[in-house]
Amino acid sequence: MSTEPTTHGELIDKVLKIRRCAAVVKGGRRFSFTALVVVGDGQGRVGWGYGKANEVPPAVEKAIRDGTRNMISVPLEGTTIPHRVEGHFGASKVLMLPAAPGTGVIAGDAVRAVCECAGIRDILTKSYGSNNPHNLVKAAVEALRQLRSRAEVEMLRGVSLS
């Protein structure tokens, strides 16, 4: 299973995990499939989707549809994020740090997919706890949801940061 990005219109999607489930029936085993997909536009919007079907391609299509419905906006500062942020989901924890231009995306598979789909080119990340891709993706998206741009912080606090 590759995480090669494919493009649908202007959206980038990466298939992270495909799981097979077997139900034992009278004639033998009946298989069904689930797909975890990260979807983004490469310019500050990202989402994840989960799809289930009796075959792999429909499961991936459903996951892509789910991901496009659940997209969030990420404030970017050039090619990186504005500040340090931490995301938690289940037993997974993801730490994200802004990096200098030219650093690249320093991350594992699941978090890398989220960052690349969001359009982040330079970032340092570290994941702690569970390495389950489902939980890592959710923790990474949770971390990106917490990001605030400088202008947003100034407006919320009612002061100017210089």
N, C-alpha and C. Protein backbone atom coordinates (compact mmCIF):
# COMPACT_ATOMS: atom_id res chain seq x y z
N MET A 1 0.85 -1.18 0.00
CA MET A 1 0.00 0.00 0.00
C MET A 1 0.90 1.24 0.00
N SER A 2 0.73 2.09 -0.99
CA SER A 2 1.57 3.28 -1.10
C SER A 2 0.77 4.50 -0.67
N THR A 3 1.51 5.50 -0.22
CA THR A 3 0.85 6.76 0.14
C THR A 3 1.12 7.79 -0.95
N GLU A 4 1.21 7.32 -2.21
CA GLU A 4 1.39 8.22 -3.34
C GLU A 4 0.18 9.14 -3.43
N PRO A 5 0.40 10.44 -3.51
CA PRO A 5 -0.74 11.35 -3.60
C PRO A 5 -1.39 11.28 -4.97
N THR A 6 -2.71 11.36 -4.99
CA THR A 6 -3.43 11.48 -6.24
C THR A 6 -4.20 12.79 -6.19
N THR A 7 -4.51 13.33 -7.35
CA THR A 7 -5.17 14.62 -7.40
C THR A 7 -6.56 14.47 -8.00
N HIS A 8 -7.57 14.99 -7.31
CA HIS A 8 -8.95 15.03 -7.80
C HIS A 8 -9.33 16.49 -7.89
N GLY A 9 -9.34 17.03 -9.11
CA GLY A 9 -9.58 18.46 -9.25
C GLY A 9 -8.41 19.21 -8.66
N GLU A 10 -8.64 19.99 -7.62
CA GLU A 10 -7.55 20.70 -6.97
C GLU A 10 -7.17 20.05 -5.64
N LEU A 11 -7.81 18.94 -5.28
CA LEU A 11 -7.55 18.29 -4.00
C LEU A 11 -6.49 17.19 -4.12
N ILE A 12 -5.66 17.09 -3.08
CA ILE A 12 -4.65 16.03 -2.98
C ILE A 12 -5.20 15.02 -1.98
N ASP A 13 -5.12 13.72 -2.29
CA ASP A 13 -5.53 12.73 -1.29
C ASP A 13 -4.49 11.64 -1.19
N LYS A 14 -4.30 11.17 0.03
CA LYS A 14 -3.33 10.10 0.30
C LYS A 14 -4.03 8.99 1.07
N VAL A 15 -3.95 7.78 0.56
CA VAL A 15 -4.52 6.62 1.24
C VAL A 15 -3.48 6.16 2.26
N LEU A 16 -3.85 6.20 3.54
CA LEU A 16 -2.90 5.83 4.59
C LEU A 16 -3.02 4.37 5.02
N LYS A 17 -4.24 3.89 5.14
CA LYS A 17 -4.41 2.55 5.69
C LYS A 17 -5.63 1.90 5.06
N ILE A 18 -5.47 0.65 4.66
CA ILE A 18 -6.59 -0.16 4.20
C ILE A 18 -6.62 -1.40 5.07
N ARG A 19 -7.77 -1.64 5.67
CA ARG A 19 -7.92 -2.80 6.55
C ARG A 19 -8.95 -3.76 5.97
N ARG A 20 -8.72 -5.05 6.16
CA ARG A 20 -9.66 -6.06 5.69
C ARG A 20 -10.32 -6.71 6.91
N CYS A 21 -11.62 -6.86 6.84
CA CYS A 21 -12.37 -7.50 7.92
C CYS A 21 -13.05 -8.73 7.35
N ALA A 22 -13.05 -9.83 8.08
CA ALA A 22 -13.67 -11.07 7.60
C ALA A 22 -14.84 -11.44 8.49
N ALA A 23 -16.00 -11.69 7.87
CA ALA A 23 -17.17 -12.19 8.59
C ALA A 23 -17.37 -13.64 8.15
N VAL A 24 -17.42 -14.55 9.09
CA VAL A 24 -17.59 -15.97 8.74
C VAL A 24 -19.08 -16.25 8.54
N VAL A 25 -19.41 -16.68 7.33
CA VAL A 25 -20.79 -17.01 6.97
C VAL A 25 -20.85 -18.47 6.53
N LYS A 26 -22.06 -18.92 6.20
CA LYS A 26 -22.28 -20.34 5.88
C LYS A 26 -21.34 -20.84 4.76
N GLY A 27 -21.14 -20.05 3.73
CA GLY A 27 -20.32 -20.51 2.61
C GLY A 27 -18.83 -20.26 2.78
N GLY A 28 -18.39 -19.67 3.88
CA GLY A 28 -16.96 -19.38 4.09
C GLY A 28 -16.80 -18.01 4.74
N ARG A 29 -15.87 -17.24 4.20
CA ARG A 29 -15.62 -15.91 4.76
C ARG A 29 -16.07 -14.83 3.78
N ARG A 30 -16.68 -13.79 4.32
CA ARG A 30 -17.05 -12.63 3.51
C ARG A 30 -16.18 -11.47 3.97
N PHE A 31 -15.47 -10.86 3.03
CA PHE A 31 -14.55 -9.79 3.37
C PHE A 31 -15.16 -8.43 3.11
N SER A 32 -14.81 -7.47 3.97
CA SER A 32 -15.15 -6.08 3.73
C SER A 32 -13.89 -5.27 4.02
N PHE A 33 -13.84 -4.04 3.50
CA PHE A 33 -12.64 -3.23 3.59
C PHE A 33 -12.94 -1.86 4.16
N THR A 34 -11.95 -1.30 4.88
CA THR A 34 -12.04 0.07 5.38
C THR A 34 -10.83 0.84 4.87
N ALA A 35 -10.99 2.11 4.63
CA ALA A 35 -9.89 2.95 4.14
C ALA A 35 -9.80 4.23 4.95
N LEU A 36 -8.58 4.61 5.30
CA LEU A 36 -8.30 5.88 5.97
C LEU A 36 -7.56 6.75 4.96
N VAL A 37 -8.12 7.94 4.68
CA VAL A 37 -7.57 8.82 3.66
C VAL A 37 -7.42 10.23 4.22
N VAL A 38 -6.31 10.90 3.86
CA VAL A 38 -6.12 12.31 4.21
C VAL A 38 -6.30 13.12 2.93
N VAL A 39 -7.10 14.19 3.01
CA VAL A 39 -7.42 15.01 1.84
C VAL A 39 -7.04 16.46 2.15
N GLY A 40 -6.46 17.16 1.17
CA GLY A 40 -6.12 18.56 1.36
C GLY A 40 -5.97 19.26 0.03
N ASP A 41 -5.88 20.61 0.09
CA ASP A 41 -5.70 21.36 -1.15
C ASP A 41 -4.27 21.86 -1.31
N GLY A 42 -3.40 21.57 -0.34
CA GLY A 42 -2.01 22.00 -0.42
C GLY A 42 -1.82 23.48 -0.15
N GLN A 43 -2.89 24.16 0.29
CA GLN A 43 -2.82 25.60 0.54
C GLN A 43 -3.50 25.99 1.84
N GLY A 44 -3.44 25.11 2.84
CA GLY A 44 -3.98 25.47 4.15
C GLY A 44 -5.29 24.81 4.52
N ARG A 45 -5.78 23.88 3.70
CA ARG A 45 -7.00 23.16 4.09
C ARG A 45 -6.70 21.67 4.09
N VAL A 46 -7.16 20.97 5.15
CA VAL A 46 -6.89 19.54 5.28
C VAL A 46 -8.03 18.86 6.04
N GLY A 47 -8.24 17.59 5.75
CA GLY A 47 -9.26 16.80 6.44
C GLY A 47 -8.94 15.33 6.30
N TRP A 48 -9.55 14.52 7.13
CA TRP A 48 -9.35 13.07 7.03
C TRP A 48 -10.71 12.41 6.88
N GLY A 49 -10.71 11.28 6.20
CA GLY A 49 -11.95 10.57 5.96
C GLY A 49 -11.78 9.08 6.17
N TYR A 50 -12.90 8.43 6.48
CA TYR A 50 -12.91 7.00 6.75
C TYR A 50 -14.07 6.40 5.97
N GLY A 51 -13.79 5.37 5.18
CA GLY A 51 -14.84 4.77 4.38
C GLY A 51 -14.83 3.25 4.49
N LYS A 52 -16.02 2.65 4.42
CA LYS A 52 -16.15 1.19 4.49
C LYS A 52 -16.98 0.70 3.32
N ALA A 53 -16.54 -0.43 2.71
CA ALA A 53 -17.29 -1.01 1.60
C ALA A 53 -16.84 -2.46 1.40
N ASN A 54 -17.53 -3.17 0.49
CA ASN A 54 -17.18 -4.57 0.24
C ASN A 54 -15.96 -4.72 -0.67
N GLU A 55 -15.56 -3.65 -1.35
CA GLU A 55 -14.37 -3.65 -2.20
C GLU A 55 -13.51 -2.45 -1.82
N VAL A 56 -12.21 -2.49 -2.20
CA VAL A 56 -11.30 -1.42 -1.83
C VAL A 56 -11.62 -0.08 -2.53
N PRO A 57 -11.77 -0.02 -3.87
CA PRO A 57 -12.00 1.28 -4.51
C PRO A 57 -13.22 2.06 -3.98
N PRO A 58 -14.38 1.41 -3.78
CA PRO A 58 -15.50 2.18 -3.20
C PRO A 58 -15.21 2.67 -1.78
N ALA A 59 -14.45 1.90 -1.00
CA ALA A 59 -14.10 2.33 0.36
C ALA A 59 -13.23 3.58 0.30
N VAL A 60 -12.28 3.61 -0.64
CA VAL A 60 -11.41 4.79 -0.79
C VAL A 60 -12.23 5.98 -1.26
N GLU A 61 -13.14 5.79 -2.22
CA GLU A 61 -13.99 6.89 -2.69
C GLU A 61 -14.84 7.47 -1.56
N LYS A 62 -15.42 6.59 -0.75
CA LYS A 62 -16.23 7.05 0.39
C LYS A 62 -15.37 7.84 1.38
N ALA A 63 -14.14 7.36 1.62
CA ALA A 63 -13.24 8.04 2.55
C ALA A 63 -12.87 9.42 2.03
N ILE A 64 -12.62 9.53 0.71
CA ILE A 64 -12.29 10.83 0.11
C ILE A 64 -13.47 11.78 0.26
N ARG A 65 -14.68 11.28 0.00
CA ARG A 65 -15.88 12.11 0.13
C ARG A 65 -16.02 12.58 1.59
N ASP A 66 -15.79 11.67 2.54
CA ASP A 66 -15.87 12.00 3.96
C ASP A 66 -14.83 13.05 4.33
N GLY A 67 -13.62 12.89 3.79
CA GLY A 67 -12.53 13.82 4.10
C GLY A 67 -12.79 15.22 3.57
N THR A 68 -13.38 15.32 2.38
CA THR A 68 -13.65 16.65 1.82
C THR A 68 -14.74 17.36 2.61
N ARG A 69 -15.64 16.60 3.20
CA ARG A 69 -16.71 17.21 4.02
C ARG A 69 -16.17 17.75 5.35
N ASN A 70 -15.11 17.12 5.86
CA ASN A 70 -14.61 17.45 7.19
C ASN A 70 -13.28 18.20 7.15
N MET A 71 -13.14 19.13 6.21
CA MET A 71 -11.87 19.87 6.09
C MET A 71 -11.82 21.05 7.04
N ILE A 72 -10.60 21.33 7.53
CA ILE A 72 -10.37 22.49 8.40
C ILE A 72 -9.37 23.42 7.72
N SER A 73 -9.37 24.68 8.11
CA SER A 73 -8.39 25.64 7.59
C SER A 73 -7.23 25.75 8.56
N VAL A 74 -6.02 25.75 8.02
CA VAL A 74 -4.81 25.82 8.83
C VAL A 74 -4.10 27.14 8.52
N PRO A 75 -3.86 28.00 9.53
CA PRO A 75 -3.10 29.22 9.26
C PRO A 75 -1.63 28.89 9.04
N LEU A 76 -1.09 29.26 7.89
CA LEU A 76 0.31 29.00 7.59
C LEU A 76 1.10 30.29 7.67
N GLU A 77 2.37 30.17 8.00
CA GLU A 77 3.28 31.31 8.02
C GLU A 77 4.41 30.99 7.04
N GLY A 78 4.20 31.36 5.79
CA GLY A 78 5.15 30.97 4.75
C GLY A 78 4.95 29.48 4.44
N THR A 79 5.99 28.68 4.71
CA THR A 79 5.90 27.24 4.44
C THR A 79 5.80 26.43 5.71
N THR A 80 5.64 27.10 6.86
CA THR A 80 5.58 26.39 8.14
C THR A 80 4.37 26.85 8.94
N ILE A 81 4.31 26.43 10.21
CA ILE A 81 3.20 26.80 11.08
C ILE A 81 3.61 27.98 11.97
N PRO A 82 2.65 28.74 12.49
CA PRO A 82 2.99 29.95 13.26
C PRO A 82 3.67 29.69 14.62
N HIS A 83 3.29 28.59 15.29
CA HIS A 83 3.84 28.35 16.63
C HIS A 83 3.79 26.87 16.97
N ARG A 84 4.43 26.53 18.10
CA ARG A 84 4.47 25.15 18.60
C ARG A 84 3.07 24.73 19.01
N VAL A 85 2.72 23.46 18.75
CA VAL A 85 1.38 23.00 19.08
C VAL A 85 1.41 21.50 19.37
N GLU A 86 0.48 21.06 20.21
CA GLU A 86 0.39 19.65 20.60
C GLU A 86 -1.03 19.16 20.39
N GLY A 87 -1.17 17.96 19.84
CA GLY A 87 -2.50 17.38 19.66
C GLY A 87 -2.58 16.01 20.29
N HIS A 88 -3.72 15.69 20.87
CA HIS A 88 -3.92 14.39 21.52
C HIS A 88 -5.15 13.72 20.92
N PHE A 89 -5.08 12.42 20.75
CA PHE A 89 -6.27 11.65 20.45
C PHE A 89 -6.02 10.24 20.93
N GLY A 90 -6.86 9.76 21.81
CA GLY A 90 -6.66 8.42 22.38
C GLY A 90 -5.32 8.36 23.08
N ALA A 91 -4.52 7.34 22.78
CA ALA A 91 -3.21 7.18 23.40
C ALA A 91 -2.11 7.82 22.56
N SER A 92 -2.49 8.52 21.48
CA SER A 92 -1.50 9.16 20.61
C SER A 92 -1.37 10.64 20.95
N LYS A 93 -0.13 11.11 20.87
CA LYS A 93 0.15 12.52 21.10
C LYS A 93 1.11 12.97 20.00
N VAL A 94 0.83 14.11 19.37
CA VAL A 94 1.67 14.63 18.30
C VAL A 94 2.12 16.03 18.67
N LEU A 95 3.44 16.27 18.62
CA LEU A 95 4.04 17.58 18.88
C LEU A 95 4.51 18.14 17.55
N MET A 96 4.14 19.38 17.24
CA MET A 96 4.54 20.02 15.99
C MET A 96 5.26 21.33 16.29
N LEU A 97 6.42 21.50 15.65
CA LEU A 97 7.24 22.69 15.85
C LEU A 97 7.49 23.38 14.52
N PRO A 98 7.44 24.72 14.47
CA PRO A 98 7.77 25.40 13.22
C PRO A 98 9.25 25.19 12.89
N ALA A 99 9.59 25.17 11.60
CA ALA A 99 10.96 24.96 11.19
C ALA A 99 11.37 25.99 10.15
N ALA A 100 12.69 26.20 10.02
CA ALA A 100 13.23 27.16 9.06
C ALA A 100 13.02 26.66 7.63
N PRO A 101 12.91 27.58 6.67
CA PRO A 101 12.74 27.16 5.28
C PRO A 101 13.89 26.24 4.83
N GLY A 102 13.53 25.18 4.11
CA GLY A 102 14.53 24.22 3.64
C GLY A 102 14.66 23.00 4.53
N THR A 103 13.99 23.01 5.69
CA THR A 103 14.07 21.88 6.62
C THR A 103 13.36 20.65 6.06
N GLY A 104 12.20 20.87 5.44
CA GLY A 104 11.40 19.75 4.95
C GLY A 104 10.42 19.28 6.01
N VAL A 105 9.67 18.23 5.69
CA VAL A 105 8.70 17.68 6.64
C VAL A 105 9.37 16.52 7.37
N ILE A 106 9.69 16.73 8.64
CA ILE A 106 10.30 15.69 9.46
C ILE A 106 9.17 15.06 10.26
N ALA A 107 8.65 13.93 9.77
CA ALA A 107 7.48 13.31 10.40
C ALA A 107 7.35 11.86 9.94
N GLY A 108 6.58 11.09 10.69
CA GLY A 108 6.27 9.73 10.30
C GLY A 108 5.22 9.73 9.19
N ASP A 109 4.85 8.56 8.70
CA ASP A 109 3.94 8.44 7.56
C ASP A 109 2.62 9.18 7.75
N ALA A 110 1.93 8.91 8.85
CA ALA A 110 0.59 9.46 9.06
C ALA A 110 0.63 10.98 9.21
N VAL A 111 1.52 11.49 10.04
CA VAL A 111 1.61 12.93 10.28
C VAL A 111 2.15 13.63 9.03
N ARG A 112 3.08 12.99 8.33
CA ARG A 112 3.62 13.55 7.08
C ARG A 112 2.51 13.77 6.05
N ALA A 113 1.62 12.79 5.93
CA ALA A 113 0.52 12.90 4.97
C ALA A 113 -0.37 14.10 5.31
N VAL A 114 -0.68 14.28 6.59
CA VAL A 114 -1.51 15.41 7.02
C VAL A 114 -0.82 16.73 6.69
N CYS A 115 0.48 16.83 7.01
CA CYS A 115 1.22 18.08 6.77
C CYS A 115 1.33 18.39 5.28
N GLU A 116 1.64 17.39 4.47
CA GLU A 116 1.80 17.63 3.03
C GLU A 116 0.47 18.00 2.37
N CYS A 117 -0.61 17.36 2.79
CA CYS A 117 -1.92 17.71 2.22
C CYS A 117 -2.35 19.11 2.64
N ALA A 118 -1.91 19.55 3.82
CA ALA A 118 -2.25 20.90 4.30
C ALA A 118 -1.40 21.97 3.62
N GLY A 119 -0.31 21.58 2.97
CA GLY A 119 0.55 22.56 2.31
C GLY A 119 1.72 23.00 3.17
N ILE A 120 1.99 22.29 4.26
CA ILE A 120 3.11 22.62 5.13
C ILE A 120 4.37 21.97 4.53
N ARG A 121 5.41 22.78 4.26
CA ARG A 121 6.63 22.27 3.62
C ARG A 121 7.78 22.11 4.60
N ASP A 122 7.77 22.87 5.70
CA ASP A 122 8.85 22.83 6.68
C ASP A 122 8.27 22.69 8.08
N ILE A 123 8.51 21.56 8.72
CA ILE A 123 7.96 21.34 10.07
C ILE A 123 8.73 20.21 10.75
N LEU A 124 8.85 20.32 12.06
CA LEU A 124 9.44 19.25 12.88
C LEU A 124 8.31 18.65 13.70
N THR A 125 8.20 17.33 13.72
CA THR A 125 7.15 16.69 14.51
C THR A 125 7.72 15.53 15.31
N LYS A 126 7.03 15.19 16.36
CA LYS A 126 7.38 14.02 17.17
C LYS A 126 6.08 13.42 17.66
N SER A 127 5.93 12.11 17.53
CA SER A 127 4.72 11.46 18.03
C SER A 127 5.08 10.60 19.23
N TYR A 128 4.21 10.62 20.21
CA TYR A 128 4.40 9.85 21.43
C TYR A 128 3.22 8.92 21.62
N GLY A 129 3.42 7.84 22.35
CA GLY A 129 2.32 6.93 22.67
C GLY A 129 2.02 5.99 21.53
N SER A 130 0.74 5.77 21.27
CA SER A 130 0.30 4.82 20.26
C SER A 130 0.72 5.26 18.86
N ASN A 131 1.14 4.29 18.02
CA ASN A 131 1.51 4.62 16.64
C ASN A 131 0.44 4.17 15.66
N ASN A 132 -0.79 4.01 16.15
CA ASN A 132 -1.93 3.66 15.31
C ASN A 132 -2.20 4.82 14.34
N PRO A 133 -2.17 4.56 13.01
CA PRO A 133 -2.34 5.64 12.04
C PRO A 133 -3.64 6.43 12.21
N HIS A 134 -4.74 5.76 12.57
CA HIS A 134 -6.02 6.45 12.76
C HIS A 134 -5.88 7.50 13.86
N ASN A 135 -5.32 7.11 14.99
CA ASN A 135 -5.18 8.03 16.11
C ASN A 135 -4.15 9.13 15.83
N LEU A 136 -3.07 8.79 15.11
CA LEU A 136 -2.06 9.80 14.79
C LEU A 136 -2.63 10.87 13.86
N VAL A 137 -3.40 10.46 12.87
CA VAL A 137 -4.02 11.43 11.95
C VAL A 137 -4.96 12.34 12.72
N LYS A 138 -5.80 11.76 13.58
CA LYS A 138 -6.74 12.57 14.35
C LYS A 138 -6.01 13.52 15.30
N ALA A 139 -4.91 13.07 15.91
CA ALA A 139 -4.13 13.92 16.81
C ALA A 139 -3.46 15.06 16.03
N ALA A 140 -2.95 14.76 14.82
CA ALA A 140 -2.30 15.78 14.00
C ALA A 140 -3.31 16.84 13.56
N VAL A 141 -4.50 16.41 13.14
CA VAL A 141 -5.53 17.36 12.73
C VAL A 141 -5.99 18.19 13.94
N GLU A 142 -6.08 17.56 15.09
CA GLU A 142 -6.44 18.27 16.32
C GLU A 142 -5.39 19.34 16.64
N ALA A 143 -4.11 19.01 16.46
CA ALA A 143 -3.04 19.98 16.70
C ALA A 143 -3.16 21.15 15.72
N LEU A 144 -3.39 20.86 14.45
CA LEU A 144 -3.51 21.93 13.44
C LEU A 144 -4.73 22.80 13.70
N ARG A 145 -5.78 22.22 14.29
CA ARG A 145 -7.00 22.97 14.61
C ARG A 145 -6.72 24.02 15.69
N GLN A 146 -5.73 23.77 16.54
CA GLN A 146 -5.40 24.69 17.63
C GLN A 146 -4.56 25.89 17.19
N LEU A 147 -4.03 25.85 15.97
CA LEU A 147 -3.16 26.93 15.49
C LEU A 147 -3.92 28.24 15.35
N ARG A 148 -3.25 29.34 15.69
CA ARG A 148 -3.80 30.67 15.54
C ARG A 148 -2.76 31.55 14.86
N SER A 149 -3.18 32.37 13.93
CA SER A 149 -2.25 33.29 13.28
C SER A 149 -2.00 34.48 14.20
N ARG A 150 -0.96 35.24 13.88
CA ARG A 150 -0.62 36.41 14.69
C ARG A 150 -1.80 37.40 14.74
N ALA A 151 -2.44 37.61 13.60
CA ALA A 151 -3.57 38.56 13.53
C ALA A 151 -4.74 38.08 14.39
N GLU A 152 -5.01 36.77 14.37
CA GLU A 152 -6.10 36.22 15.19
C GLU A 152 -5.83 36.44 16.67
N VAL A 153 -4.59 36.17 17.10
CA VAL A 153 -4.22 36.33 18.52
C VAL A 153 -4.35 37.80 18.92
N GLU A 154 -3.89 38.72 18.07
CA GLU A 154 -4.01 40.16 18.38
C GLU A 154 -5.47 40.56 18.53
N MET A 155 -6.33 40.06 17.63
CA MET A 155 -7.74 40.40 17.68
C MET A 155 -8.40 39.83 18.95
N LEU A 156 -8.08 38.57 19.28
CA LEU A 156 -8.68 37.94 20.46
C LEU A 156 -8.26 38.61 21.75
N ARG A 157 -6.97 39.01 21.84
CA ARG A 157 -6.47 39.63 23.07
C ARG A 157 -6.75 41.13 23.11
N GLY A 158 -6.97 41.73 21.96
CA GLY A 158 -7.20 43.18 21.92
C GLY A 158 -5.94 43.98 22.10
N VAL A 159 -4.78 43.40 21.80
CA VAL A 159 -3.50 44.10 21.89
C VAL A 159 -2.71 43.83 20.62
N SER A 160 -1.64 44.60 20.42
CA SER A 160 -0.80 44.34 19.25
C SER A 160 0.48 43.64 19.70
N LEU A 161 0.83 42.58 19.00
CA LEU A 161 2.06 41.85 19.31
C LEU A 161 3.14 42.35 18.38
N SER A 162 4.23 42.88 18.97
CA SER A 162 5.28 43.42 18.11
C SER A 162 6.62 42.74 18.36
